[in-house]
Amino acid sequence: MWYYNKTQTTECEEFSDIECEIIKNAFNNEKGEVELDLCMIDLKTSIMTMKHDKSKQYSIKRMENVPKRLRQERFCPIPEISSDMTSDRSFYYGIDRSKRHFAFS
């Protein structure tokens, strides 16, 4: 797992799963730098530089044998279905069939 530290405290934040995979591949292929959506990472100095503000630089670190964490929710929770909605199955599936588009209620 790869982590970055935005403050002077010892608490680190995790990169996302896909960012970790990109960083890991670059590290294993001995690349000097890796570009993510919002930042550039110099793997030789272990410094992350934000693209929108080059003065914002943070340290990164690689940690092995870290216990698996639960993945963050990436999708909306399943909405509760009220009793008046169950009679009309079109709303159960999230589709207003009369207009042939998704209903966002």
N, C-alpha and C. Protein backbone atom coordinates (compact mmCIF):
# COMPACT_ATOMS: atom_id res chain seq x y z
N MET A 1 0.83 -1.18 0.00
CA MET A 1 0.00 0.00 0.00
C MET A 1 0.88 1.24 0.00
N TRP A 2 0.37 2.28 -0.64
CA TRP A 2 1.06 3.56 -0.70
C TRP A 2 0.26 4.60 0.06
N TYR A 3 0.97 5.45 0.80
CA TYR A 3 0.35 6.46 1.63
C TYR A 3 1.01 7.80 1.40
N TYR A 4 0.28 8.89 1.72
CA TYR A 4 0.86 10.22 1.67
C TYR A 4 0.53 10.95 2.94
N ASN A 5 1.35 11.93 3.25
CA ASN A 5 1.20 12.66 4.50
C ASN A 5 1.08 14.14 4.16
N LYS A 6 -0.11 14.73 4.38
CA LYS A 6 -0.34 16.13 4.06
C LYS A 6 -0.04 17.07 5.22
N THR A 7 0.17 16.53 6.40
CA THR A 7 0.45 17.37 7.57
C THR A 7 1.72 16.88 8.24
N GLN A 8 2.11 17.57 9.27
CA GLN A 8 3.31 17.20 10.01
C GLN A 8 3.06 16.09 11.03
N THR A 9 1.80 15.68 11.15
CA THR A 9 1.48 14.62 12.10
C THR A 9 1.93 13.27 11.53
N THR A 10 1.84 12.26 12.33
CA THR A 10 2.24 10.92 11.88
C THR A 10 1.13 10.21 11.13
N GLU A 11 -0.07 10.80 11.11
CA GLU A 11 -1.20 10.16 10.44
C GLU A 11 -1.09 10.31 8.92
N CYS A 12 -1.19 9.19 8.22
CA CYS A 12 -1.08 9.19 6.77
C CYS A 12 -2.42 8.84 6.14
N GLU A 13 -2.60 9.28 4.91
CA GLU A 13 -3.80 8.95 4.16
C GLU A 13 -3.44 7.98 3.04
N GLU A 14 -4.37 7.11 2.71
CA GLU A 14 -4.13 6.10 1.68
C GLU A 14 -4.45 6.66 0.30
N PHE A 15 -3.67 6.23 -0.68
CA PHE A 15 -4.04 6.46 -2.06
C PHE A 15 -5.18 5.50 -2.39
N SER A 16 -5.95 5.80 -3.42
CA SER A 16 -7.02 4.90 -3.83
C SER A 16 -6.42 3.61 -4.39
N ASP A 17 -7.25 2.60 -4.56
CA ASP A 17 -6.78 1.31 -5.09
C ASP A 17 -6.11 1.46 -6.44
N ILE A 18 -6.73 2.21 -7.34
CA ILE A 18 -6.17 2.36 -8.69
C ILE A 18 -4.89 3.18 -8.65
N GLU A 19 -4.84 4.20 -7.80
CA GLU A 19 -3.62 4.99 -7.67
C GLU A 19 -2.48 4.13 -7.11
N CYS A 20 -2.79 3.29 -6.13
CA CYS A 20 -1.77 2.38 -5.58
C CYS A 20 -1.23 1.45 -6.66
N GLU A 21 -2.12 0.96 -7.50
CA GLU A 21 -1.70 0.05 -8.57
C GLU A 21 -0.80 0.76 -9.57
N ILE A 22 -1.15 2.00 -9.92
CA ILE A 22 -0.32 2.78 -10.85
C ILE A 22 1.05 3.05 -10.25
N ILE A 23 1.07 3.45 -8.98
CA ILE A 23 2.34 3.73 -8.30
C ILE A 23 3.18 2.46 -8.18
N LYS A 24 2.54 1.36 -7.82
CA LYS A 24 3.25 0.08 -7.67
C LYS A 24 3.88 -0.35 -8.99
N ASN A 25 3.14 -0.24 -10.09
CA ASN A 25 3.69 -0.61 -11.39
C ASN A 25 4.88 0.26 -11.76
N ALA A 26 4.79 1.56 -11.52
CA ALA A 26 5.91 2.45 -11.82
C ALA A 26 7.10 2.13 -10.93
N PHE A 27 6.85 1.85 -9.66
CA PHE A 27 7.93 1.51 -8.73
C PHE A 27 8.62 0.21 -9.14
N ASN A 28 7.83 -0.81 -9.49
CA ASN A 28 8.40 -2.10 -9.88
C ASN A 28 9.16 -2.02 -11.19
N ASN A 29 8.76 -1.11 -12.07
CA ASN A 29 9.46 -0.93 -13.35
C ASN A 29 10.56 0.12 -13.26
N GLU A 30 10.88 0.53 -12.04
CA GLU A 30 11.96 1.48 -11.74
C GLU A 30 11.83 2.78 -12.51
N LYS A 31 10.60 3.27 -12.61
CA LYS A 31 10.36 4.58 -13.22
C LYS A 31 10.69 5.66 -12.19
N GLY A 32 11.16 6.79 -12.65
CA GLY A 32 11.51 7.88 -11.74
C GLY A 32 10.31 8.67 -11.28
N GLU A 33 9.34 8.83 -12.19
CA GLU A 33 8.16 9.62 -11.87
C GLU A 33 6.90 8.89 -12.30
N VAL A 34 5.80 9.24 -11.66
CA VAL A 34 4.50 8.71 -12.06
C VAL A 34 3.50 9.86 -11.98
N GLU A 35 2.61 9.90 -12.96
CA GLU A 35 1.60 10.96 -13.00
C GLU A 35 0.23 10.39 -12.66
N LEU A 36 -0.42 11.03 -11.69
CA LEU A 36 -1.79 10.69 -11.33
C LEU A 36 -2.67 11.86 -11.76
N ASP A 37 -3.96 11.75 -11.53
CA ASP A 37 -4.89 12.79 -11.97
C ASP A 37 -4.55 14.16 -11.39
N LEU A 38 -4.29 14.23 -10.10
CA LEU A 38 -4.10 15.51 -9.44
C LEU A 38 -2.67 15.83 -9.06
N CYS A 39 -1.77 14.87 -9.24
CA CYS A 39 -0.40 15.11 -8.76
C CYS A 39 0.63 14.35 -9.58
N MET A 40 1.88 14.74 -9.37
CA MET A 40 3.04 14.03 -9.91
C MET A 40 3.79 13.47 -8.71
N ILE A 41 4.31 12.26 -8.87
CA ILE A 41 5.06 11.64 -7.78
C ILE A 41 6.46 11.33 -8.26
N ASP A 42 7.43 11.82 -7.52
CA ASP A 42 8.83 11.51 -7.78
C ASP A 42 9.19 10.33 -6.87
N LEU A 43 9.35 9.16 -7.47
CA LEU A 43 9.59 7.95 -6.69
C LEU A 43 11.01 7.90 -6.12
N LYS A 44 11.93 8.65 -6.70
CA LYS A 44 13.31 8.66 -6.17
C LYS A 44 13.40 9.46 -4.87
N THR A 45 12.65 10.55 -4.78
CA THR A 45 12.68 11.37 -3.56
C THR A 45 11.48 11.14 -2.66
N SER A 46 10.50 10.36 -3.12
CA SER A 46 9.26 10.08 -2.38
C SER A 46 8.49 11.35 -2.06
N ILE A 47 8.38 12.22 -3.08
CA ILE A 47 7.66 13.48 -2.94
C ILE A 47 6.51 13.53 -3.94
N MET A 48 5.34 13.92 -3.45
CA MET A 48 4.16 14.12 -4.29
C MET A 48 3.97 15.63 -4.45
N THR A 49 3.85 16.09 -5.70
CA THR A 49 3.64 17.51 -5.99
C THR A 49 2.29 17.68 -6.66
N MET A 50 1.47 18.56 -6.13
CA MET A 50 0.15 18.81 -6.69
C MET A 50 0.29 19.55 -8.01
N LYS A 51 -0.51 19.15 -9.01
CA LYS A 51 -0.43 19.77 -10.33
C LYS A 51 -0.93 21.21 -10.32
N HIS A 52 -1.99 21.48 -9.57
CA HIS A 52 -2.58 22.82 -9.57
C HIS A 52 -1.78 23.83 -8.76
N ASP A 53 -0.89 23.35 -7.89
CA ASP A 53 -0.08 24.25 -7.07
C ASP A 53 1.25 23.54 -6.77
N LYS A 54 2.26 23.88 -7.54
CA LYS A 54 3.56 23.21 -7.42
C LYS A 54 4.21 23.43 -6.05
N SER A 55 3.76 24.43 -5.31
CA SER A 55 4.35 24.67 -3.99
C SER A 55 3.84 23.67 -2.95
N LYS A 56 2.76 22.97 -3.26
CA LYS A 56 2.22 21.97 -2.33
C LYS A 56 2.88 20.63 -2.60
N GLN A 57 3.77 20.26 -1.72
CA GLN A 57 4.50 19.00 -1.83
C GLN A 57 4.31 18.21 -0.55
N TYR A 58 4.13 16.91 -0.72
CA TYR A 58 3.88 16.02 0.42
C TYR A 58 4.73 14.79 0.29
N SER A 59 5.08 14.22 1.43
CA SER A 59 5.86 12.99 1.41
C SER A 59 4.95 11.79 1.19
N ILE A 60 5.49 10.78 0.53
CA ILE A 60 4.76 9.52 0.34
C ILE A 60 5.60 8.40 0.92
N LYS A 61 4.95 7.29 1.19
CA LYS A 61 5.70 6.13 1.66
C LYS A 61 4.98 4.86 1.28
N ARG A 62 5.76 3.84 1.17
CA ARG A 62 5.28 2.50 0.84
C ARG A 62 5.33 1.66 2.09
N MET A 63 4.24 0.98 2.37
CA MET A 63 4.20 0.11 3.54
C MET A 63 3.77 -1.27 3.09
N GLU A 64 4.51 -2.26 3.52
CA GLU A 64 4.18 -3.64 3.18
C GLU A 64 3.59 -4.33 4.40
N ASN A 65 2.92 -5.45 4.12
CA ASN A 65 2.29 -6.27 5.17
C ASN A 65 1.30 -5.48 6.01
N VAL A 66 0.59 -4.59 5.35
CA VAL A 66 -0.46 -3.84 6.01
C VAL A 66 -1.74 -4.67 5.93
N PRO A 67 -2.47 -4.80 7.03
CA PRO A 67 -3.71 -5.58 6.98
C PRO A 67 -4.66 -5.01 5.92
N LYS A 68 -5.37 -5.91 5.27
CA LYS A 68 -6.34 -5.48 4.25
C LYS A 68 -7.39 -4.59 4.90
N ARG A 69 -7.71 -3.53 4.22
CA ARG A 69 -8.73 -2.61 4.70
C ARG A 69 -10.02 -2.83 3.92
N LEU A 70 -11.11 -2.36 4.49
CA LEU A 70 -12.37 -2.41 3.76
C LEU A 70 -12.34 -1.34 2.69
N ARG A 71 -12.83 -1.68 1.51
CA ARG A 71 -12.87 -0.72 0.43
C ARG A 71 -13.92 0.34 0.72
N GLN A 72 -13.66 1.55 0.30
CA GLN A 72 -14.61 2.63 0.49
C GLN A 72 -15.81 2.42 -0.43
N GLU A 73 -16.94 2.92 0.02
CA GLU A 73 -18.15 2.85 -0.80
C GLU A 73 -17.92 3.67 -2.07
N ARG A 74 -18.20 3.07 -3.23
CA ARG A 74 -18.04 3.79 -4.48
C ARG A 74 -19.37 4.06 -5.14
N PHE A 75 -20.43 3.49 -4.62
CA PHE A 75 -21.74 3.64 -5.22
C PHE A 75 -22.73 4.10 -4.16
N CYS A 76 -23.86 4.57 -4.63
CA CYS A 76 -24.92 5.01 -3.71
C CYS A 76 -25.50 3.80 -2.99
N PRO A 77 -25.95 4.00 -1.77
CA PRO A 77 -26.62 2.89 -1.09
C PRO A 77 -27.95 2.60 -1.77
N ILE A 78 -28.43 1.39 -1.62
CA ILE A 78 -29.70 1.00 -2.20
C ILE A 78 -30.81 1.74 -1.45
N PRO A 79 -31.68 2.45 -2.18
CA PRO A 79 -32.71 3.22 -1.49
C PRO A 79 -33.76 2.30 -0.86
N GLU A 80 -34.35 2.80 0.21
CA GLU A 80 -35.44 2.09 0.87
C GLU A 80 -36.69 2.20 0.00
N ILE A 81 -37.44 1.13 -0.10
CA ILE A 81 -38.65 1.14 -0.91
C ILE A 81 -39.84 1.28 0.02
N SER A 82 -40.64 2.31 -0.22
CA SER A 82 -41.83 2.50 0.61
C SER A 82 -42.97 1.64 0.06
N SER A 83 -43.98 1.43 0.87
CA SER A 83 -45.08 0.55 0.48
C SER A 83 -45.85 1.07 -0.73
N ASP A 84 -45.96 2.40 -0.91
CA ASP A 84 -46.70 2.93 -2.05
C ASP A 84 -45.92 2.76 -3.36
N MET A 85 -44.62 2.53 -3.28
CA MET A 85 -43.83 2.35 -4.49
C MET A 85 -43.83 0.91 -4.98
N THR A 86 -44.13 -0.03 -4.10
CA THR A 86 -44.06 -1.44 -4.49
C THR A 86 -45.15 -1.84 -5.45
N SER A 87 -46.25 -1.09 -5.48
CA SER A 87 -47.33 -1.43 -6.41
C SER A 87 -46.95 -1.11 -7.85
N ASP A 88 -46.08 -0.16 -8.03
CA ASP A 88 -45.64 0.22 -9.38
C ASP A 88 -44.19 -0.23 -9.56
N ARG A 89 -43.98 -1.33 -10.24
CA ARG A 89 -42.65 -1.91 -10.40
C ARG A 89 -41.69 -1.00 -11.18
N SER A 90 -42.21 -0.07 -11.99
CA SER A 90 -41.31 0.81 -12.75
C SER A 90 -40.47 1.65 -11.81
N PHE A 91 -41.04 2.08 -10.68
CA PHE A 91 -40.27 2.85 -9.73
C PHE A 91 -39.34 1.96 -8.92
N TYR A 92 -39.69 0.70 -8.77
CA TYR A 92 -38.83 -0.25 -8.07
C TYR A 92 -37.49 -0.38 -8.79
N TYR A 93 -37.53 -0.38 -10.10
CA TYR A 93 -36.30 -0.49 -10.89
C TYR A 93 -35.70 0.86 -11.25
N GLY A 94 -36.31 1.96 -10.77
CA GLY A 94 -35.75 3.27 -10.99
C GLY A 94 -36.05 3.85 -12.36
N ILE A 95 -37.04 3.30 -13.06
CA ILE A 95 -37.33 3.75 -14.41
C ILE A 95 -38.77 4.22 -14.50
N ASP A 96 -38.96 5.40 -15.05
CA ASP A 96 -40.30 5.89 -15.34
C ASP A 96 -40.61 5.46 -16.76
N ARG A 97 -41.37 4.38 -16.92
CA ARG A 97 -41.58 3.78 -18.23
C ARG A 97 -42.41 4.66 -19.17
N SER A 98 -43.22 5.55 -18.61
CA SER A 98 -44.04 6.40 -19.49
C SER A 98 -43.18 7.40 -20.25
N LYS A 99 -42.06 7.80 -19.67
CA LYS A 99 -41.19 8.77 -20.33
C LYS A 99 -39.93 8.14 -20.89
N ARG A 100 -39.72 6.86 -20.59
CA ARG A 100 -38.58 6.09 -21.09
C ARG A 100 -37.23 6.70 -20.69
N HIS A 101 -37.15 7.16 -19.45
CA HIS A 101 -35.85 7.60 -18.93
C HIS A 101 -35.81 7.27 -17.44
N PHE A 102 -34.65 7.42 -16.87
CA PHE A 102 -34.49 7.13 -15.46
C PHE A 102 -35.18 8.18 -14.63
N ALA A 103 -35.82 7.76 -13.57
CA ALA A 103 -36.46 8.69 -12.65
C ALA A 103 -35.53 8.93 -11.49
N PHE A 104 -35.24 10.18 -11.22
CA PHE A 104 -34.36 10.54 -10.12
C PHE A 104 -35.19 11.16 -9.01
N SER A 105 -35.81 10.31 -8.23
CA SER A 105 -36.65 10.83 -7.15
C SER A 105 -36.09 10.48 -5.81
